[in-house]
């Protein structure tokens, strides 16, 4: 799977809507063993909490890319630049900031008993 190609496709499509409208961006880090790994950067316009953000973006990625349609779960790593404004400087400087939250989403409810 070409992760860079998927990130470009997502950036030009759905991600542009979230960036411009809500100050939220996401990118695919990896996809292995049926698990999507996303990195999400929250900007100052975004009002939802970490749980709803993780769920919304996990389903958006899975549903908008046929390569990810068979995913069983998603790990979401969140960088909150709204709460920590210095992290925006780090991102623009090419420095990877620490994550503020890590969330997990299981797409099918029948995987857990």
PDB file of N, CA and C in Angstrom:
ATOM      1  N   UNK A   1       0.846  -1.171   0.000  1.00  0.00           N
ATOM      2  CA  UNK A   1       0.000   0.000   0.000  1.00  0.00           C
ATOM      3  C   UNK A   1       0.899   1.244   0.000  1.00  0.00           C
ATOM      4  N   UNK A   2       0.587   2.184  -0.862  1.00  0.00           N
ATOM      5  CA  UNK A   2       1.357   3.421  -0.967  1.00  0.00           C
ATOM      6  C   UNK A   2       0.736   4.478  -0.045  1.00  0.00           C
ATOM      7  N   UNK A   3       1.316   4.637   1.117  1.00  0.00           N
ATOM      8  CA  UNK A   3       0.777   5.559   2.131  1.00  0.00           C
ATOM      9  C   UNK A   3       0.856   7.012   1.673  1.00  0.00           C
ATOM     10  N   UNK A   4       1.948   7.376   1.015  1.00  0.00           N
ATOM     11  CA  UNK A   4       2.094   8.762   0.535  1.00  0.00           C
ATOM     12  C   UNK A   4       1.015   9.108  -0.487  1.00  0.00           C
ATOM     13  N   UNK A   5       0.695   8.167  -1.370  1.00  0.00           N
ATOM     14  CA  UNK A   5      -0.347   8.405  -2.364  1.00  0.00           C
ATOM     15  C   UNK A   5      -1.709   8.571  -1.683  1.00  0.00           C
ATOM     16  N   UNK A   6      -1.985   7.734  -0.693  1.00  0.00           N
ATOM     17  CA  UNK A   6      -3.246   7.868   0.050  1.00  0.00           C
ATOM     18  C   UNK A   6      -3.317   9.199   0.785  1.00  0.00           C
ATOM     19  N   UNK A   7      -2.215   9.631   1.392  1.00  0.00           N
ATOM     20  CA  UNK A   7      -2.199  10.917   2.090  1.00  0.00           C
ATOM     21  C   UNK A   7      -2.438  12.073   1.119  1.00  0.00           C
ATOM     22  N   UNK A   8      -1.827  12.026  -0.067  1.00  0.00           N
ATOM     23  CA  UNK A   8      -2.049  13.082  -1.064  1.00  0.00           C
ATOM     24  C   UNK A   8      -3.508  13.106  -1.509  1.00  0.00           C
ATOM     25  N   UNK A   9      -4.047  11.904  -1.779  1.00  0.00           N
ATOM     26  CA  UNK A   9      -5.454  11.799  -2.203  1.00  0.00           C
ATOM     27  C   UNK A   9      -6.382  12.350  -1.117  1.00  0.00           C
ATOM     28  N   UNK A  10      -6.112  11.996   0.120  1.00  0.00           N
ATOM     29  CA  UNK A  10      -6.944  12.468   1.222  1.00  0.00           C
ATOM     30  C   UNK A  10      -6.805  13.980   1.419  1.00  0.00           C
ATOM     31  N   UNK A  11      -5.573  14.480   1.297  1.00  0.00           N
ATOM     32  CA  UNK A  11      -5.319  15.912   1.473  1.00  0.00           C
ATOM     33  C   UNK A  11      -6.099  16.738   0.453  1.00  0.00           C
ATOM     34  N   UNK A  12      -6.110  16.307  -0.785  1.00  0.00           N
ATOM     35  CA  UNK A  12      -6.796  17.055  -1.839  1.00  0.00           C
ATOM     36  C   UNK A  12      -8.312  16.906  -1.774  1.00  0.00           C
ATOM     37  N   UNK A  13      -8.791  15.926  -1.069  1.00  0.00           N
ATOM     38  CA  UNK A  13     -10.230  15.699  -0.977  1.00  0.00           C
ATOM     39  C   UNK A  13     -10.802  16.133   0.355  1.00  0.00           C
ATOM     40  N   UNK A  14     -11.006  15.179   1.221  1.00  0.00           N
ATOM     41  CA  UNK A  14     -11.692  15.402   2.493  1.00  0.00           C
ATOM     42  C   UNK A  14     -10.902  16.255   3.481  1.00  0.00           C
ATOM     43  N   UNK A  15      -9.594  16.081   3.496  1.00  0.00           N
ATOM     44  CA  UNK A  15      -8.788  16.807   4.476  1.00  0.00           C
ATOM     45  C   UNK A  15      -8.828  18.313   4.249  1.00  0.00           C
ATOM     46  N   UNK A  16      -8.914  18.739   2.990  1.00  0.00           N
ATOM     47  CA  UNK A  16      -8.983  20.174   2.695  1.00  0.00           C
ATOM     48  C   UNK A  16     -10.244  20.789   3.303  1.00  0.00           C
ATOM     49  N   UNK A  17     -11.341  20.052   3.277  1.00  0.00           N
ATOM     50  CA  UNK A  17     -12.593  20.509   3.889  1.00  0.00           C
ATOM     51  C   UNK A  17     -12.406  20.720   5.393  1.00  0.00           C
ATOM     52  N   UNK A  18     -11.780  19.752   6.062  1.00  0.00           N
ATOM     53  CA  UNK A  18     -11.561  19.861   7.503  1.00  0.00           C
ATOM     54  C   UNK A  18     -10.549  20.957   7.839  1.00  0.00           C
ATOM     55  N   UNK A  19      -9.506  21.102   7.047  1.00  0.00           N
ATOM     56  CA  UNK A  19      -8.484  22.129   7.314  1.00  0.00           C
ATOM     57  C   UNK A  19      -9.057  23.533   7.216  1.00  0.00           C
ATOM     58  N   UNK A  20      -9.736  23.797   6.115  1.00  0.00           N
ATOM     59  CA  UNK A  20     -10.261  25.145   5.886  1.00  0.00           C
ATOM     60  C   UNK A  20     -11.434  25.445   6.806  1.00  0.00           C
ATOM     61  N   UNK A  21     -12.352  24.509   6.925  1.00  0.00           N
ATOM     62  CA  UNK A  21     -13.567  24.751   7.702  1.00  0.00           C
ATOM     63  C   UNK A  21     -13.404  24.658   9.199  1.00  0.00           C
ATOM     64  N   UNK A  22     -12.521  23.766   9.669  1.00  0.00           N
ATOM     65  CA  UNK A  22     -12.461  23.491  11.101  1.00  0.00           C
ATOM     66  C   UNK A  22     -11.072  23.544  11.727  1.00  0.00           C
ATOM     67  N   UNK A  23     -10.034  23.754  10.934  1.00  0.00           N
ATOM     68  CA  UNK A  23      -8.684  23.787  11.488  1.00  0.00           C
ATOM     69  C   UNK A  23      -8.207  22.434  11.971  1.00  0.00           C
ATOM     70  N   UNK A  24      -8.621  21.364  11.295  1.00  0.00           N
ATOM     71  CA  UNK A  24      -8.293  19.996  11.701  1.00  0.00           C
ATOM     72  C   UNK A  24      -7.616  19.294  10.535  1.00  0.00           C
ATOM     73  N   UNK A  25      -6.504  18.644  10.796  1.00  0.00           N
ATOM     74  CA  UNK A  25      -5.829  17.906   9.728  1.00  0.00           C
ATOM     75  C   UNK A  25      -5.493  16.501  10.211  1.00  0.00           C
ATOM     76  N   UNK A  26      -5.351  15.602   9.252  1.00  0.00           N
ATOM     77  CA  UNK A  26      -5.026  14.220   9.597  1.00  0.00           C
ATOM     78  C   UNK A  26      -4.167  13.619   8.498  1.00  0.00           C
ATOM     79  N   UNK A  27      -3.379  12.613   8.899  1.00  0.00           N
ATOM     80  CA  UNK A  27      -2.603  11.877   7.903  1.00  0.00           C
ATOM     81  C   UNK A  27      -2.453  10.444   8.354  1.00  0.00           C
ATOM     82  N   UNK A  28      -2.328   9.573   7.367  1.00  0.00           N
ATOM     83  CA  UNK A  28      -2.156   8.150   7.607  1.00  0.00           C
ATOM     84  C   UNK A  28      -0.692   7.890   7.928  1.00  0.00           C
ATOM     85  N   UNK A  29      -0.448   7.265   9.068  1.00  0.00           N
ATOM     86  CA  UNK A  29       0.918   6.920   9.457  1.00  0.00           C
ATOM     87  C   UNK A  29       1.268   5.541   8.915  1.00  0.00           C
ATOM     88  N   UNK A  30       0.381   4.566   9.144  1.00  0.00           N
ATOM     89  CA  UNK A  30       0.580   3.224   8.610  1.00  0.00           C
ATOM     90  C   UNK A  30      -0.730   2.453   8.664  1.00  0.00           C
ATOM     91  N   UNK A  31      -0.737   1.334   7.943  1.00  0.00           N
ATOM     92  CA  UNK A  31      -1.879   0.418   7.941  1.00  0.00           C
ATOM     93  C   UNK A  31      -1.320  -0.991   7.977  1.00  0.00           C
ATOM     94  N   UNK A  32      -1.495  -1.668   9.112  1.00  0.00           N
ATOM     95  CA  UNK A  32      -0.993  -3.029   9.239  1.00  0.00           C
ATOM     96  C   UNK A  32      -1.929  -3.863  10.092  1.00  0.00           C
ATOM     97  N   UNK A  33      -2.045  -5.126   9.718  1.00  0.00           N
ATOM     98  CA  UNK A  33      -2.900  -6.085  10.433  1.00  0.00           C
ATOM     99  C   UNK A  33      -4.337  -5.601  10.582  1.00  0.00           C
ATOM    100  N   UNK A  34      -4.836  -4.878   9.595  1.00  0.00           N
ATOM    101  CA  UNK A  34      -6.205  -4.393   9.628  1.00  0.00           C
ATOM    102  C   UNK A  34      -6.427  -3.197  10.527  1.00  0.00           C
ATOM    103  N   UNK A  35      -5.353  -2.561  10.984  1.00  0.00           N
ATOM    104  CA  UNK A  35      -5.475  -1.407  11.874  1.00  0.00           C
ATOM    105  C   UNK A  35      -4.913  -0.162  11.187  1.00  0.00           C
ATOM    106  N   UNK A  36      -5.731   0.873  11.130  1.00  0.00           N
ATOM    107  CA  UNK A  36      -5.331   2.163  10.569  1.00  0.00           C
ATOM    108  C   UNK A  36      -4.670   2.969  11.681  1.00  0.00           C
ATOM    109  N   UNK A  37      -3.542   3.598  11.391  1.00  0.00           N
ATOM    110  CA  UNK A  37      -2.859   4.470  12.343  1.00  0.00           C
ATOM    111  C   UNK A  37      -2.901   5.881  11.773  1.00  0.00           C
ATOM    112  N   UNK A  38      -3.573   6.791  12.485  1.00  0.00           N
ATOM    113  CA  UNK A  38      -3.717   8.174  12.026  1.00  0.00           C
ATOM    114  C   UNK A  38      -3.054   9.148  12.997  1.00  0.00           C
ATOM    115  N   UNK A  39      -2.529  10.231  12.441  1.00  0.00           N
ATOM    116  CA  UNK A  39      -2.054  11.347  13.259  1.00  0.00           C
ATOM    117  C   UNK A  39      -2.972  12.526  12.965  1.00  0.00           C
ATOM    118  N   UNK A  40      -3.534  13.106  14.006  1.00  0.00           N
ATOM    119  CA  UNK A  40      -4.500  14.199  13.873  1.00  0.00           C
ATOM    120  C   UNK A  40      -3.952  15.428  14.583  1.00  0.00           C
ATOM    121  N   UNK A  41      -4.033  16.575  13.892  1.00  0.00           N
ATOM    122  CA  UNK A  41      -3.621  17.849  14.487  1.00  0.00           C
ATOM    123  C   UNK A  41      -4.864  18.714  14.616  1.00  0.00           C
ATOM    124  N   UNK A  42      -5.174  19.089  15.855  1.00  0.00           N
ATOM    125  CA  UNK A  42      -6.361  19.893  16.151  1.00  0.00           C
ATOM    126  C   UNK A  42      -5.967  21.366  16.211  1.00  0.00           C
ATOM    127  N   UNK A  43      -6.705  22.191  15.459  1.00  0.00           N
ATOM    128  CA  UNK A  43      -6.498  23.634  15.457  1.00  0.00           C
ATOM    129  C   UNK A  43      -7.502  24.348  16.333  1.00  0.00           C
ATOM    130  N   UNK A  44      -7.422  25.654  16.343  1.00  0.00           N
ATOM    131  CA  UNK A  44      -8.236  26.444  17.275  1.00  0.00           C
ATOM    132  C   UNK A  44      -9.723  26.482  16.943  1.00  0.00           C
ATOM    133  N   UNK A  45     -10.114  26.198  15.695  1.00  0.00           N
ATOM    134  CA  UNK A  45     -11.528  26.238  15.319  1.00  0.00           C
ATOM    135  C   UNK A  45     -12.293  24.985  15.748  1.00  0.00           C
ATOM    136  N   UNK A  46     -11.602  23.897  15.979  1.00  0.00           N
ATOM    137  CA  UNK A  46     -12.259  22.613  16.265  1.00  0.00           C
ATOM    138  C   UNK A  46     -12.822  22.616  17.675  1.00  0.00           C
ATOM    139  N   UNK A  47     -14.082  22.245  17.834  1.00  0.00           N
ATOM    140  CA  UNK A  47     -14.769  22.314  19.125  1.00  0.00           C
ATOM    141  C   UNK A  47     -15.053  20.961  19.766  1.00  0.00           C
ATOM    142  N   UNK A  48     -14.923  19.869  19.043  1.00  0.00           N
ATOM    143  CA  UNK A  48     -15.280  18.554  19.582  1.00  0.00           C
ATOM    144  C   UNK A  48     -14.173  18.006  20.479  1.00  0.00           C
ATOM    145  N   UNK A  49     -14.547  17.073  21.353  1.00  0.00           N
ATOM    146  CA  UNK A  49     -13.567  16.459  22.258  1.00  0.00           C
ATOM    147  C   UNK A  49     -12.750  15.401  21.522  1.00  0.00           C
ATOM    148  N   UNK A  50     -11.761  14.847  22.200  1.00  0.00           N
ATOM    149  CA  UNK A  50     -10.847  13.884  21.589  1.00  0.00           C
ATOM    150  C   UNK A  50     -11.565  12.613  21.135  1.00  0.00           C
ATOM    151  N   UNK A  51     -12.510  12.134  21.920  1.00  0.00           N
ATOM    152  CA  UNK A  51     -13.214  10.890  21.566  1.00  0.00           C
ATOM    153  C   UNK A  51     -14.022  11.032  20.282  1.00  0.00           C
ATOM    154  N   UNK A  52     -14.791  12.096  20.176  1.00  0.00           N
ATOM    155  CA  UNK A  52     -15.603  12.273  18.974  1.00  0.00           C
ATOM    156  C   UNK A  52     -14.734  12.619  17.766  1.00  0.00           C
ATOM    157  N   UNK A  53     -13.627  13.316  17.996  1.00  0.00           N
ATOM    158  CA  UNK A  53     -12.690  13.621  16.910  1.00  0.00           C
ATOM    159  C   UNK A  53     -12.094  12.331  16.355  1.00  0.00           C
ATOM    160  N   UNK A  54     -11.646  11.460  17.241  1.00  0.00           N
ATOM    161  CA  UNK A  54     -11.048  10.193  16.816  1.00  0.00           C
ATOM    162  C   UNK A  54     -12.055   9.349  16.035  1.00  0.00           C
ATOM    163  N   UNK A  55     -13.269   9.250  16.531  1.00  0.00           N
ATOM    164  CA  UNK A  55     -14.288   8.451  15.855  1.00  0.00           C
ATOM    165  C   UNK A  55     -14.638   9.032  14.489  1.00  0.00           C
ATOM    166  N   UNK A  56     -14.824  10.330  14.420  1.00  0.00           N
ATOM    167  CA  UNK A  56     -15.199  10.971  13.160  1.00  0.00           C
ATOM    168  C   UNK A  56     -14.134  10.768  12.083  1.00  0.00           C
ATOM    169  N   UNK A  57     -12.886  10.974  12.446  1.00  0.00           N
ATOM    170  CA  UNK A  57     -11.821  10.852  11.453  1.00  0.00           C
ATOM    171  C   UNK A  57     -11.512   9.398  11.102  1.00  0.00           C
ATOM    172  N   UNK A  58     -11.625   8.501  12.054  1.00  0.00           N
ATOM    173  CA  UNK A  58     -11.398   7.086  11.764  1.00  0.00           C
ATOM    174  C   UNK A  58     -12.412   6.586  10.734  1.00  0.00           C
ATOM    175  N   UNK A  59     -13.676   6.903  10.947  1.00  0.00           N
ATOM    176  CA  UNK A  59     -14.698   6.486   9.995  1.00  0.00           C
ATOM    177  C   UNK A  59     -14.551   7.213   8.665  1.00  0.00           C
ATOM    178  N   UNK A  60     -14.163   8.478   8.682  1.00  0.00           N
ATOM    179  CA  UNK A  60     -13.968   9.234   7.445  1.00  0.00           C
ATOM    180  C   UNK A  60     -12.871   8.601   6.589  1.00  0.00           C
ATOM    181  N   UNK A  61     -11.760   8.254   7.209  1.00  0.00           N
ATOM    182  CA  UNK A  61     -10.664   7.616   6.473  1.00  0.00           C
ATOM    183  C   UNK A  61     -11.098   6.259   5.928  1.00  0.00           C
ATOM    184  N   UNK A  62     -11.699   5.441   6.761  1.00  0.00           N
ATOM    185  CA  UNK A  62     -12.100   4.098   6.328  1.00  0.00           C
ATOM    186  C   UNK A  62     -13.117   4.156   5.199  1.00  0.00           C
ATOM    187  N   UNK A  63     -14.086   5.050   5.311  1.00  0.00           N
ATOM    188  CA  UNK A  63     -15.168   5.108   4.336  1.00  0.00           C
ATOM    189  C   UNK A  63     -14.786   5.801   3.035  1.00  0.00           C
ATOM    190  N   UNK A  64     -13.755   6.650   3.052  1.00  0.00           N
ATOM    191  CA  UNK A  64     -13.417   7.398   1.843  1.00  0.00           C
ATOM    192  C   UNK A  64     -12.279   6.765   1.031  1.00  0.00           C
ATOM    193  N   UNK A  65     -11.671   5.701   1.525  1.00  0.00           N
ATOM    194  CA  UNK A  65     -10.581   5.046   0.797  1.00  0.00           C
ATOM    195  C   UNK A  65     -10.851   3.550   0.720  1.00  0.00           C
ATOM    196  N   UNK A  66     -11.017   3.045  -0.496  1.00  0.00           N
ATOM    197  CA  UNK A  66     -11.341   1.622  -0.663  1.00  0.00           C
ATOM    198  C   UNK A  66     -10.224   0.725  -0.144  1.00  0.00           C
ATOM    199  N   UNK A  67      -8.974   1.212  -0.135  1.00  0.00           N
ATOM    200  CA  UNK A  67      -7.855   0.420   0.372  1.00  0.00           C
ATOM    201  C   UNK A  67      -7.979   0.141   1.871  1.00  0.00           C
ATOM    202  N   UNK A  68      -8.699   1.005   2.572  1.00  0.00           N
ATOM    203  CA  UNK A  68      -8.857   0.892   4.025  1.00  0.00           C
ATOM    204  C   UNK A  68     -10.225   0.345   4.426  1.00  0.00           C
ATOM    205  N   UNK A  69     -11.033  -0.016   3.470  1.00  0.00           N
ATOM    206  CA  UNK A  69     -12.423  -0.400   3.756  1.00  0.00           C
ATOM    207  C   UNK A  69     -12.548  -1.670   4.595  1.00  0.00           C
ATOM    208  N   UNK A  70     -11.549  -2.515   4.595  1.00  0.00           N
ATOM    209  CA  UNK A  70     -11.603  -3.764   5.378  1.00  0.00           C
ATOM    210  C   UNK A  70     -10.943  -3.625   6.742  1.00  0.00           C
ATOM    211  N   UNK A  71     -10.640  -2.412   7.149  1.00  0.00           N
ATOM    212  CA  UNK A  71     -10.003  -2.186   8.448  1.00  0.00           C
ATOM    213  C   UNK A  71     -10.936  -2.602   9.575  1.00  0.00           C
ATOM    214  N   UNK A  72     -10.348  -3.176  10.629  1.00  0.00           N
ATOM    215  CA  UNK A  72     -11.152  -3.596  11.776  1.00  0.00           C
ATOM    216  C   UNK A  72     -11.042  -2.606  12.936  1.00  0.00           C
ATOM    217  N   UNK A  73      -9.999  -1.757  12.908  1.00  0.00           N
ATOM    218  CA  UNK A  73      -9.805  -0.803  14.003  1.00  0.00           C
ATOM    219  C   UNK A  73      -8.952   0.362  13.527  1.00  0.00           C
ATOM    220  N   UNK A  74      -8.860   1.373  14.379  1.00  0.00           N
ATOM    221  CA  UNK A  74      -8.058   2.555  14.072  1.00  0.00           C
ATOM    222  C   UNK A  74      -7.434   3.085  15.355  1.00  0.00           C
ATOM    223  N   UNK A  75      -6.153   3.400  15.290  1.00  0.00           N
ATOM    224  CA  UNK A  75      -5.461   4.080  16.391  1.00  0.00           C
ATOM    225  C   UNK A  75      -5.270   5.525  15.962  1.00  0.00           C
ATOM    226  N   UNK A  76      -5.676   6.446  16.808  1.00  0.00           N
ATOM    227  CA  UNK A  76      -5.599   7.863  16.489  1.00  0.00           C
ATOM    228  C   UNK A  76      -4.682   8.548  17.493  1.00  0.00           C
ATOM    229  N   UNK A  77      -3.666   9.216  16.969  1.00  0.00           N
ATOM    230  CA  UNK A  77      -2.700   9.945  17.792  1.00  0.00           C
ATOM    231  C   UNK A  77      -2.967  11.431  17.587  1.00  0.00           C
ATOM    232  N   UNK A  78      -3.300  12.133  18.676  1.00  0.00           N
ATOM    233  CA  UNK A  78      -3.778  13.513  18.594  1.00  0.00           C
ATOM    234  C   UNK A  78      -2.735  14.492  19.102  1.00  0.00           C
ATOM    235  N   UNK A  79      -2.504  15.538  18.282  1.00  0.00           N
ATOM    236  CA  UNK A  79      -1.681  16.685  18.675  1.00  0.00           C
ATOM    237  C   UNK A  79      -2.633  17.869  18.772  1.00  0.00           C
ATOM    238  N   UNK A  80      -2.754  18.452  19.942  1.00  0.00           N
ATOM    239  CA  UNK A  80      -3.693  19.551  20.177  1.00  0.00           C
ATOM    240  C   UNK A  80      -2.941  20.876  20.198  1.00  0.00           C
ATOM    241  N   UNK A  81      -2.982  21.601  19.072  1.00  0.00           N
ATOM    242  CA  UNK A  81      -2.300  22.899  19.009  1.00  0.00           C
ATOM    243  C   UNK A  81      -3.152  24.012  19.610  1.00  0.00           C
ATOM    244  N   UNK A  82      -4.420  23.704  19.858  1.00  0.00           N
ATOM    245  CA  UNK A  82      -5.297  24.686  20.506  1.00  0.00           C
ATOM    246  C   UNK A  82      -4.913  24.825  21.978  1.00  0.00           C
ATOM    247  N   UNK A  83      -4.641  23.710  22.633  1.00  0.00           N
ATOM    248  CA  UNK A  83      -4.265  23.714  24.048  1.00  0.00           C
ATOM    249  C   UNK A  83      -2.784  24.054  24.239  1.00  0.00           C
ATOM    250  N   UNK A  84      -1.953  23.685  23.273  1.00  0.00           N
ATOM    251  CA  UNK A  84      -0.506  23.913  23.356  1.00  0.00           C
ATOM    252  C   UNK A  84      -0.049  24.617  22.082  1.00  0.00           C
ATOM    253  N   UNK A  85      -0.101  25.934  22.077  1.00  0.00           N
ATOM    254  CA  UNK A  85       0.148  26.700  20.861  1.00  0.00           C
ATOM    255  C   UNK A  85       1.581  26.569  20.349  1.00  0.00           C
ATOM    256  N   UNK A  86       2.532  26.252  21.208  1.00  0.00           N
ATOM    257  CA  UNK A  86       3.915  26.092  20.769  1.00  0.00           C
ATOM    258  C   UNK A  86       4.078  24.888  19.846  1.00  0.00           C
ATOM    259  N   UNK A  87       3.165  23.942  19.894  1.00  0.00           N
ATOM    260  CA  UNK A  87       3.261  22.755  19.048  1.00  0.00           C
ATOM    261  C   UNK A  87       3.056  23.096  17.578  1.00  0.00           C
ATOM    262  N   UNK A  88       2.298  24.143  17.294  1.00  0.00           N
ATOM    263  CA  UNK A  88       2.114  24.582  15.912  1.00  0.00           C
ATOM    264  C   UNK A  88       3.451  25.049  15.338  1.00  0.00           C
ATOM    265  N   UNK A  89       4.240  25.745  16.134  1.00  0.00           N
ATOM    266  CA  UNK A  89       5.578  26.165  15.711  1.00  0.00           C
ATOM    267  C   UNK A  89       6.460  24.947  15.432  1.00  0.00           C
ATOM    268  N   UNK A  90       6.394  23.958  16.286  1.00  0.00           N
ATOM    269  CA  UNK A  90       7.175  22.731  16.091  1.00  0.00           C
ATOM    270  C   UNK A  90       6.820  22.063  14.762  1.00  0.00           C
ATOM    271  N   UNK A  91       5.529  21.954  14.489  1.00  0.00           N
ATOM    272  CA  UNK A  91       5.070  21.295  13.271  1.00  0.00           C
ATOM    273  C   UNK A  91       5.579  22.032  12.038  1.00  0.00           C
ATOM    274  N   UNK A  92       5.476  23.357  12.047  1.00  0.00           N
ATOM    275  CA  UNK A  92       5.942  24.151  10.905  1.00  0.00           C
ATOM    276  C   UNK A  92       7.458  24.128  10.774  1.00  0.00           C
ATOM    277  N   UNK A  93       8.154  23.852  11.859  1.00  0.00           N
ATOM    278  CA  UNK A  93       9.619  23.775  11.822  1.00  0.00           C
ATOM    279  C   UNK A  93      10.116  22.379  11.467  1.00  0.00           C
ATOM    280  N   UNK A  94       9.204  21.430  11.305  1.00  0.00           N
ATOM    281  CA  UNK A  94       9.589  20.078  10.961  1.00  0.00           C
ATOM    282  C   UNK A  94       9.926  19.204  12.159  1.00  0.00           C
ATOM    283  N   UNK A  95       9.622  19.685  13.357  1.00  0.00           N
ATOM    284  CA  UNK A  95       9.857  18.926  14.585  1.00  0.00           C
ATOM    285  C   UNK A  95       8.566  18.218  14.964  1.00  0.00           C
ATOM    286  N   UNK A  96       8.669  16.930  15.249  1.00  0.00           N
ATOM    287  CA  UNK A  96       7.470  16.166  15.620  1.00  0.00           C
ATOM    288  C   UNK A  96       7.171  16.365  17.103  1.00  0.00           C
ATOM    289  N   UNK A  97       6.037  17.012  17.430  1.00  0.00           N
ATOM    290  CA  UNK A  97       5.690  17.214  18.844  1.00  0.00           C
ATOM    291  C   UNK A  97       5.142  15.942  19.482  1.00  0.00           C
ATOM    292  N   UNK A  98       5.080  15.933  20.804  1.00  0.00           N
ATOM    293  CA  UNK A  98       4.510  14.792  21.525  1.00  0.00           C
ATOM    294  C   UNK A  98       2.994  14.787  21.340  1.00  0.00           C
ATOM    295  N   UNK A  99       2.408  13.609  21.486  1.00  0.00           N
ATOM    296  CA  UNK A  99       0.961  13.479  21.349  1.00  0.00           C
ATOM    297  C   UNK A  99       0.277  13.856  22.654  1.00  0.00           C
ATOM    298  N   UNK A 100      -0.871  14.535  22.521  1.00  0.00           N
ATOM    299  CA  UNK A 100      -1.659  14.922  23.689  1.00  0.00           C
ATOM    300  C   UNK A 100      -2.633  13.820  24.091  1.00  0.00           C
ATOM    301  N   UNK A 101      -2.995  12.976  23.141  1.00  0.00           N
ATOM    302  CA  UNK A 101      -3.921  11.879  23.427  1.00  0.00           C
ATOM    303  C   UNK A 101      -3.719  10.766  22.415  1.00  0.00           C
ATOM    304  N   UNK A 102      -4.080   9.558  22.826  1.00  0.00           N
ATOM    305  CA  UNK A 102      -4.069   8.380  21.952  1.00  0.00           C
ATOM    306  C   UNK A 102      -5.411   7.692  22.147  1.00  0.00           C
ATOM    307  N   UNK A 103      -6.120   7.509  21.056  1.00  0.00           N
ATOM    308  CA  UNK A 103      -7.456   6.919  21.120  1.00  0.00           C
ATOM    309  C   UNK A 103      -7.549   5.720  20.184  1.00  0.00           C
ATOM    310  N   UNK A 104      -8.416   4.792  20.502  1.00  0.00           N
ATOM    311  CA  UNK A 104      -8.635   3.619  19.678  1.00  0.00           C
ATOM    312  C   UNK A 104     -10.095   3.470  19.312  1.00  0.00           C
ATOM    313  N   UNK A 105     -10.339   3.065  18.086  1.00  0.00           N
ATOM    314  CA  UNK A 105     -11.700   2.870  17.585  1.00  0.00           C
ATOM    315  C   UNK A 105     -11.779   1.457  17.013  1.00  0.00           C
ATOM    316  N   UNK A 106     -12.780   0.683  17.412  1.00  0.00           N
ATOM    317  CA  UNK A 106     -13.056  -0.619  16.808  1.00  0.00           C
ATOM    318  C   UNK A 106     -14.293  -0.446  15.945  1.00  0.00           C
ATOM    319  N   UNK A 107     -14.162  -0.760  14.658  1.00  0.00           N
ATOM    320  CA  UNK A 107     -15.257  -0.484  13.720  1.00  0.00           C
ATOM    321  C   UNK A 107     -16.438  -1.439  13.882  1.00  0.00           C
ATOM    322  N   UNK A 108     -16.204  -2.725  14.082  1.00  0.00           N
ATOM    323  CA  UNK A 108     -17.304  -3.683  14.216  1.00  0.00           C
ATOM    324  C   UNK A 108     -17.497  -4.043  15.675  1.00  0.00           C
ATOM    325  N   UNK A 109     -18.675  -3.902  16.154  1.00  0.00           N
ATOM    326  CA  UNK A 109     -18.976  -4.139  17.567  1.00  0.00           C
ATOM    327  C   UNK A 109     -18.851  -5.610  17.950  1.00  0.00           C
ATOM    328  N   UNK A 110     -18.981  -6.519  16.997  1.00  0.00           N
ATOM    329  CA  UNK A 110     -18.967  -7.932  17.331  1.00  0.00           C
ATOM    330  C   UNK A 110     -17.552  -8.496  17.567  1.00  0.00           C
ATOM    331  N   UNK A 111     -16.528  -7.670  17.509  1.00  0.00           N
ATOM    332  CA  UNK A 111     -15.175  -8.135  17.807  1.00  0.00           C
ATOM    333  C   UNK A 111     -14.946  -8.286  19.304  1.00  0.00           C
ATOM    334  N   UNK A 112     -15.745  -7.621  20.108  1.00  0.00           N
ATOM    335  CA  UNK A 112     -15.618  -7.709  21.560  1.00  0.00           C
ATOM    336  C   UNK A 112     -16.793  -8.490  22.123  1.00  0.00           C
ATOM    337  N   UNK A 113     -16.554  -9.255  23.129  1.00  0.00           N
ATOM    338  CA  UNK A 113     -17.645 -10.013  23.760  1.00  0.00           C
ATOM    339  C   UNK A 113     -18.178  -9.259  24.958  1.00  0.00           C
TER     340      UNK A 113
END
